[in-house]
Amino acid sequence: MTWLAALLSALLAIPALLHLLWALGIWLPLREEAALARAVVGAKDVTRMPPAIPCAVVAMALTFAAVLPHRPAFPLHTPFMLLCTVVFTLRGAATYLPAWRRIVPQQPFATLDRSCYGPLCLLLGAGFFILTLTGA
């Protein structure tokens, strides 16, 4: 299961780094803030990226999730692993709900959400679930 933990960490490191860059006001991979907001936020009529603090909090949470499978067991390890399972699975499932699409209808976010963000979250949720079941 070490390979699965490494895969999850690699998959989480990329969005963690992007959120950190966005917290610093570095608009990657798109250089224009409004275009990036349409691609990664997706809210109707969005023109600005979220503020630095929420981006930094998400970066820290993703980094924590990336490191968690590699930490030796501690009293809250299993609950945190289950929390990651639930959060990523719910976020991934939300992608396919009409209510979610009403909240975040903006293109290209809607297309990216269905083709990339949602499936990635479901994959992460499944990975955390497998690691939790195996006690890794």
Protein backbone atom coordinates (compact mmCIF):
# COMPACT_ATOMS: atom_id res chain seq x y z
CA MET A 1 0.00 0.00 0.00
CA THR A 2 3.04 2.25 0.08
CA TRP A 3 2.60 2.87 -3.64
CA LEU A 4 -1.01 4.01 -3.07
CA ALA A 5 0.04 6.40 -0.31
CA ALA A 6 2.77 7.80 -2.58
CA LEU A 7 0.28 8.21 -5.43
CA LEU A 8 -2.20 10.04 -3.20
CA SER A 9 0.55 12.32 -1.92
CA ALA A 10 1.74 13.13 -5.43
CA LEU A 11 -1.82 13.85 -6.59
CA LEU A 12 -2.41 16.13 -3.59
CA ALA A 13 0.92 17.95 -3.83
CA ILE A 14 0.00 19.61 -7.12
CA PRO A 15 -3.23 21.32 -5.98
CA ALA A 16 -1.60 22.13 -2.62
CA LEU A 17 1.18 23.96 -4.43
CA LEU A 18 -1.28 25.74 -6.72
CA HIS A 19 -3.35 26.92 -3.75
CA LEU A 20 -0.20 28.21 -2.07
CA LEU A 21 0.76 30.12 -5.23
CA TRP A 22 -2.76 31.57 -5.45
CA ALA A 23 -2.51 32.64 -1.78
CA LEU A 24 0.62 34.54 -2.81
CA GLY A 25 -1.18 36.16 -5.75
CA ILE A 26 0.61 34.12 -8.40
CA TRP A 27 -1.97 33.21 -11.02
CA LEU A 28 -0.86 29.87 -12.44
CA PRO A 29 -1.46 28.09 -14.73
CA LEU A 30 -3.39 31.02 -16.27
CA ARG A 31 -1.84 34.45 -15.93
CA GLU A 32 -5.06 36.47 -15.97
CA GLU A 33 -6.98 36.45 -12.67
CA ALA A 34 -10.47 36.50 -14.17
CA ALA A 35 -9.70 33.60 -16.52
CA LEU A 36 -8.19 31.59 -13.66
CA ALA A 37 -11.21 32.31 -11.44
CA ARG A 38 -13.56 31.07 -14.18
CA ALA A 39 -11.48 27.88 -14.47
CA VAL A 40 -11.00 27.03 -10.80
CA VAL A 41 -13.81 28.77 -8.86
CA GLY A 42 -16.66 28.50 -11.33
CA ALA A 43 -19.21 30.65 -9.51
CA LYS A 44 -21.56 32.64 -11.71
CA ASP A 45 -20.02 35.94 -12.86
CA VAL A 46 -16.78 35.29 -10.94
CA THR A 47 -13.96 37.67 -11.90
CA ARG A 48 -11.59 37.44 -8.93
CA MET A 49 -9.76 34.65 -7.17
CA PRO A 50 -10.58 33.96 -3.52
CA PRO A 51 -8.59 35.92 -0.93
CA ALA A 52 -5.17 34.77 0.26
CA ILE A 53 -6.26 33.30 3.60
CA PRO A 54 -8.82 30.81 2.21
CA CYS A 55 -6.32 29.74 -0.46
CA ALA A 56 -3.64 29.24 2.19
CA VAL A 57 -6.02 27.25 4.41
CA VAL A 58 -6.85 24.93 1.51
CA ALA A 59 -3.13 24.58 0.72
CA MET A 60 -2.46 23.56 4.33
CA ALA A 61 -5.37 21.11 4.39
CA LEU A 62 -4.22 19.48 1.15
CA THR A 63 -0.66 19.28 2.47
CA PHE A 64 -1.92 17.66 5.67
CA ALA A 65 -3.90 15.13 3.60
CA ALA A 66 -0.82 14.44 1.47
CA VAL A 67 1.35 13.72 4.52
CA LEU A 68 -1.26 11.83 6.57
CA PRO A 69 -0.90 8.40 4.90
CA HIS A 70 2.84 8.45 5.64
CA ARG A 71 2.54 9.27 9.33
CA PRO A 72 2.86 6.48 11.88
CA ALA A 73 -0.40 5.62 13.57
CA PHE A 74 -1.50 8.09 16.24
CA PRO A 75 -4.80 8.25 18.16
CA LEU A 76 -6.63 10.35 15.55
CA HIS A 77 -5.04 8.79 12.46
CA THR A 78 -8.03 6.63 11.49
CA PRO A 79 -10.62 9.40 12.06
CA PHE A 80 -8.52 11.80 9.95
CA MET A 81 -8.18 9.18 7.20
CA LEU A 82 -11.96 8.67 7.27
CA LEU A 83 -12.49 12.43 7.20
CA CYS A 84 -10.34 12.64 4.06
CA THR A 85 -12.34 9.77 2.57
CA VAL A 86 -15.65 11.54 3.24
CA VAL A 87 -14.54 15.01 2.16
CA PHE A 88 -13.01 13.90 -1.14
CA THR A 89 -15.85 11.49 -1.92
CA LEU A 90 -18.54 14.09 -1.23
CA ARG A 91 -16.72 16.72 -3.28
CA GLY A 92 -16.33 14.27 -6.14
CA ALA A 93 -19.97 13.20 -5.98
CA ALA A 94 -21.16 16.81 -5.86
CA THR A 95 -19.73 17.28 -9.36
CA TYR A 96 -22.59 15.27 -10.81
CA LEU A 97 -25.45 16.89 -8.90
CA PRO A 98 -27.67 19.50 -10.60
CA ALA A 99 -27.64 21.61 -7.41
CA TRP A 100 -23.82 21.84 -7.59
CA ARG A 101 -23.97 22.89 -11.24
CA ARG A 102 -26.38 25.71 -10.32
CA ILE A 103 -23.85 26.96 -7.76
CA VAL A 104 -20.82 26.72 -10.09
CA PRO A 105 -22.05 26.96 -13.69
CA GLN A 106 -19.17 29.02 -15.11
CA GLN A 107 -17.16 27.66 -18.02
CA PRO A 108 -14.54 26.32 -18.26
CA PHE A 109 -14.96 25.24 -14.61
CA ALA A 110 -18.06 23.14 -15.32
CA THR A 111 -16.27 21.12 -18.00
CA LEU A 112 -13.06 20.82 -15.98
CA ASP A 113 -15.09 19.79 -12.95
CA ARG A 114 -16.75 16.90 -14.78
CA SER A 115 -13.63 15.78 -16.62
CA CYS A 116 -10.90 16.38 -14.02
CA TYR A 117 -11.75 17.82 -10.59
CA GLY A 118 -14.66 15.51 -9.74
CA PRO A 119 -13.04 12.27 -10.91
CA LEU A 120 -9.80 13.22 -9.13
CA CYS A 121 -11.68 13.77 -5.87
CA LEU A 122 -13.47 10.43 -6.24
CA LEU A 123 -10.12 8.73 -6.87
CA LEU A 124 -8.63 10.40 -3.80
CA GLY A 125 -11.63 9.40 -1.68
CA ALA A 126 -11.30 5.79 -2.85
CA GLY A 127 -7.58 5.81 -2.14
CA PHE A 128 -8.05 7.11 1.40
CA PHE A 129 -10.80 4.54 1.95
CA ILE A 130 -8.57 1.67 0.81
CA LEU A 131 -5.70 2.88 3.00
CA THR A 132 -8.05 3.21 5.96
CA LEU A 133 -9.42 -0.32 5.47
CA THR A 134 -5.95 -1.81 5.23
CA GLY A 135 -4.74 0.10 8.28
CA ALA A 136 -2.02 1.85 6.32
